[in-house]
Amino acid sequence: MAGQKRSDIMTEENTINQELLEIIKALASKVEDLEKTIYAKDSILMKAGFVVTNSPTPAMDNSIGSPTGMPKDISTMDWSEIHKMVEKAGGN
């Protein structure tokens, strides 16, 4: 009986983890598409001057680090690196 409950809990955790991973993948893809749209050379926002490529960036202290081994600062990562990190987090 206890083994069955443990199995049910593990299955539920795996399902939740898979759902969260799919959400992260979808969000990363949406942000990447949005970034491409905004910074496109023919973008109306870019032409109008609403999008500025050289602007001040807020600084955060990330000295604590991450227990999952994820990098401290993903803002300098390329999209291919972000996709690899998400795949690695999913165990694929």
C-alpha atoms as a PDB file:
ATOM      1  CA  MET A   1       0.000   0.000   0.000  1.00  0.00           C
ATOM      2  CA  ALA A   2       2.757   2.448   0.936  1.00  0.00           C
ATOM      3  CA  GLY A   3       4.690   1.516  -2.212  1.00  0.00           C
ATOM      4  CA  GLN A   4       1.640   2.308  -4.336  1.00  0.00           C
ATOM      5  CA  LYS A   5       1.247   5.749  -2.730  1.00  0.00           C
ATOM      6  CA  ARG A   6       4.944   6.488  -3.261  1.00  0.00           C
ATOM      7  CA  SER A   7       4.619   5.455  -6.899  1.00  0.00           C
ATOM      8  CA  ASP A   8       1.564   7.680  -7.327  1.00  0.00           C
ATOM      9  CA  ILE A   9       3.416  10.630  -5.803  1.00  0.00           C
ATOM     10  CA  MET A  10       6.458  10.062  -8.039  1.00  0.00           C
ATOM     11  CA  THR A  11       4.224   9.836 -11.120  1.00  0.00           C
ATOM     12  CA  GLU A  12       2.438  13.042 -10.131  1.00  0.00           C
ATOM     13  CA  GLU A  13       5.777  14.840  -9.555  1.00  0.00           C
ATOM     14  CA  ASN A  14       7.056  13.666 -12.946  1.00  0.00           C
ATOM     15  CA  THR A  15       3.874  14.914 -14.605  1.00  0.00           C
ATOM     16  CA  ILE A  16       4.190  18.299 -12.897  1.00  0.00           C
ATOM     17  CA  ASN A  17       7.881  18.539 -13.847  1.00  0.00           C
ATOM     18  CA  GLN A  18       7.083  17.726 -17.477  1.00  0.00           C
ATOM     19  CA  GLU A  19       4.311  20.334 -17.534  1.00  0.00           C
ATOM     20  CA  LEU A  20       6.623  22.973 -16.044  1.00  0.00           C
ATOM     21  CA  LEU A  21       9.318  22.107 -18.569  1.00  0.00           C
ATOM     22  CA  GLU A  22       6.818  22.504 -21.425  1.00  0.00           C
ATOM     23  CA  ILE A  23       5.765  25.889 -20.023  1.00  0.00           C
ATOM     24  CA  ILE A  24       9.416  27.020 -19.822  1.00  0.00           C
ATOM     25  CA  LYS A  25      10.032  25.861 -23.400  1.00  0.00           C
ATOM     26  CA  ALA A  26       6.938  27.691 -24.644  1.00  0.00           C
ATOM     27  CA  LEU A  27       7.861  30.886 -22.793  1.00  0.00           C
ATOM     28  CA  ALA A  28      11.457  30.810 -24.063  1.00  0.00           C
ATOM     29  CA  SER A  29      10.175  30.359 -27.611  1.00  0.00           C
ATOM     30  CA  LYS A  30       7.666  33.224 -27.252  1.00  0.00           C
ATOM     31  CA  VAL A  31      10.300  35.576 -25.821  1.00  0.00           C
ATOM     32  CA  GLU A  32      12.718  34.655 -28.610  1.00  0.00           C
ATOM     33  CA  ASP A  33      10.059  35.339 -31.259  1.00  0.00           C
ATOM     34  CA  LEU A  34       9.137  38.625 -29.594  1.00  0.00           C
ATOM     35  CA  GLU A  35      12.791  39.663 -29.480  1.00  0.00           C
ATOM     36  CA  LYS A  36      13.208  38.879 -33.177  1.00  0.00           C
ATOM     37  CA  THR A  37      10.075  40.872 -34.022  1.00  0.00           C
ATOM     38  CA  ILE A  38      11.043  43.911 -31.970  1.00  0.00           C
ATOM     39  CA  TYR A  39      14.630  44.108 -33.196  1.00  0.00           C
ATOM     40  CA  ALA A  40      13.815  43.432 -36.862  1.00  0.00           C
ATOM     41  CA  LYS A  41      15.274  46.086 -39.161  1.00  0.00           C
ATOM     42  CA  ASP A  42      11.871  46.815 -40.714  1.00  0.00           C
ATOM     43  CA  SER A  43      10.033  46.976 -37.384  1.00  0.00           C
ATOM     44  CA  ILE A  44       7.828  50.035 -36.946  1.00  0.00           C
ATOM     45  CA  LEU A  45       8.904  50.225 -33.305  1.00  0.00           C
ATOM     46  CA  MET A  46      12.543  50.275 -34.329  1.00  0.00           C
ATOM     47  CA  LYS A  47      11.972  52.895 -37.032  1.00  0.00           C
ATOM     48  CA  ALA A  48       9.981  55.096 -34.668  1.00  0.00           C
ATOM     49  CA  GLY A  49      12.758  55.019 -32.082  1.00  0.00           C
ATOM     50  CA  PHE A  50      10.707  53.284 -29.400  1.00  0.00           C
ATOM     51  CA  VAL A  51      13.182  50.399 -29.290  1.00  0.00           C
ATOM     52  CA  VAL A  52      16.689  51.366 -28.289  1.00  0.00           C
ATOM     53  CA  THR A  53      19.400  48.739 -28.526  1.00  0.00           C
ATOM     54  CA  ASN A  54      21.863  50.521 -26.228  1.00  0.00           C
ATOM     55  CA  SER A  55      20.097  51.276 -22.978  1.00  0.00           C
ATOM     56  CA  PRO A  56      21.131  51.040 -19.325  1.00  0.00           C
ATOM     57  CA  THR A  57      20.737  47.571 -17.854  1.00  0.00           C
ATOM     58  CA  PRO A  58      19.712  47.081 -14.234  1.00  0.00           C
ATOM     59  CA  ALA A  59      22.305  45.242 -12.168  1.00  0.00           C
ATOM     60  CA  MET A  60      21.495  42.480  -9.729  1.00  0.00           C
ATOM     61  CA  ASP A  61      23.731  40.748  -7.223  1.00  0.00           C
ATOM     62  CA  ASN A  62      23.667  37.049  -8.100  1.00  0.00           C
ATOM     63  CA  SER A  63      26.331  35.999  -5.635  1.00  0.00           C
ATOM     64  CA  ILE A  64      24.168  33.280  -4.079  1.00  0.00           C
ATOM     65  CA  GLY A  65      24.312  31.087  -7.174  1.00  0.00           C
ATOM     66  CA  SER A  66      22.018  28.288  -8.100  1.00  0.00           C
ATOM     67  CA  PRO A  67      21.822  24.832  -6.507  1.00  0.00           C
ATOM     68  CA  THR A  68      20.719  23.362  -9.865  1.00  0.00           C
ATOM     69  CA  GLY A  69      23.987  24.275 -11.557  1.00  0.00           C
ATOM     70  CA  MET A  70      22.327  26.837 -13.809  1.00  0.00           C
ATOM     71  CA  PRO A  71      24.398  29.852 -14.814  1.00  0.00           C
ATOM     72  CA  LYS A  72      24.135  32.970 -12.710  1.00  0.00           C
ATOM     73  CA  ASP A  73      23.452  35.298 -15.623  1.00  0.00           C
ATOM     74  CA  ILE A  74      21.530  34.108 -18.672  1.00  0.00           C
ATOM     75  CA  SER A  75      21.353  37.583 -20.179  1.00  0.00           C
ATOM     76  CA  THR A  76      24.689  36.982 -21.909  1.00  0.00           C
ATOM     77  CA  MET A  77      23.691  33.557 -23.252  1.00  0.00           C
ATOM     78  CA  ASP A  78      22.769  32.859 -26.871  1.00  0.00           C
ATOM     79  CA  TRP A  79      19.317  31.391 -27.574  1.00  0.00           C
ATOM     80  CA  SER A  80      20.862  28.068 -28.579  1.00  0.00           C
ATOM     81  CA  GLU A  81      22.551  27.884 -25.159  1.00  0.00           C
ATOM     82  CA  ILE A  82      19.250  28.669 -23.421  1.00  0.00           C
ATOM     83  CA  HIS A  83      17.469  25.937 -25.388  1.00  0.00           C
ATOM     84  CA  LYS A  84      20.231  23.443 -24.477  1.00  0.00           C
ATOM     85  CA  MET A  85      19.952  24.416 -20.800  1.00  0.00           C
ATOM     86  CA  VAL A  86      16.163  23.878 -20.863  1.00  0.00           C
ATOM     87  CA  GLU A  87      16.583  20.492 -22.570  1.00  0.00           C
ATOM     88  CA  LYS A  88      19.225  19.500 -19.998  1.00  0.00           C
ATOM     89  CA  ALA A  89      16.895  20.506 -17.151  1.00  0.00           C
ATOM     90  CA  GLY A  90      14.271  18.197 -18.603  1.00  0.00           C
ATOM     91  CA  GLY A  91      16.652  15.253 -18.691  1.00  0.00           C
ATOM     92  CA  ASN A  92      16.482  14.960 -22.487  1.00  0.00           C
END
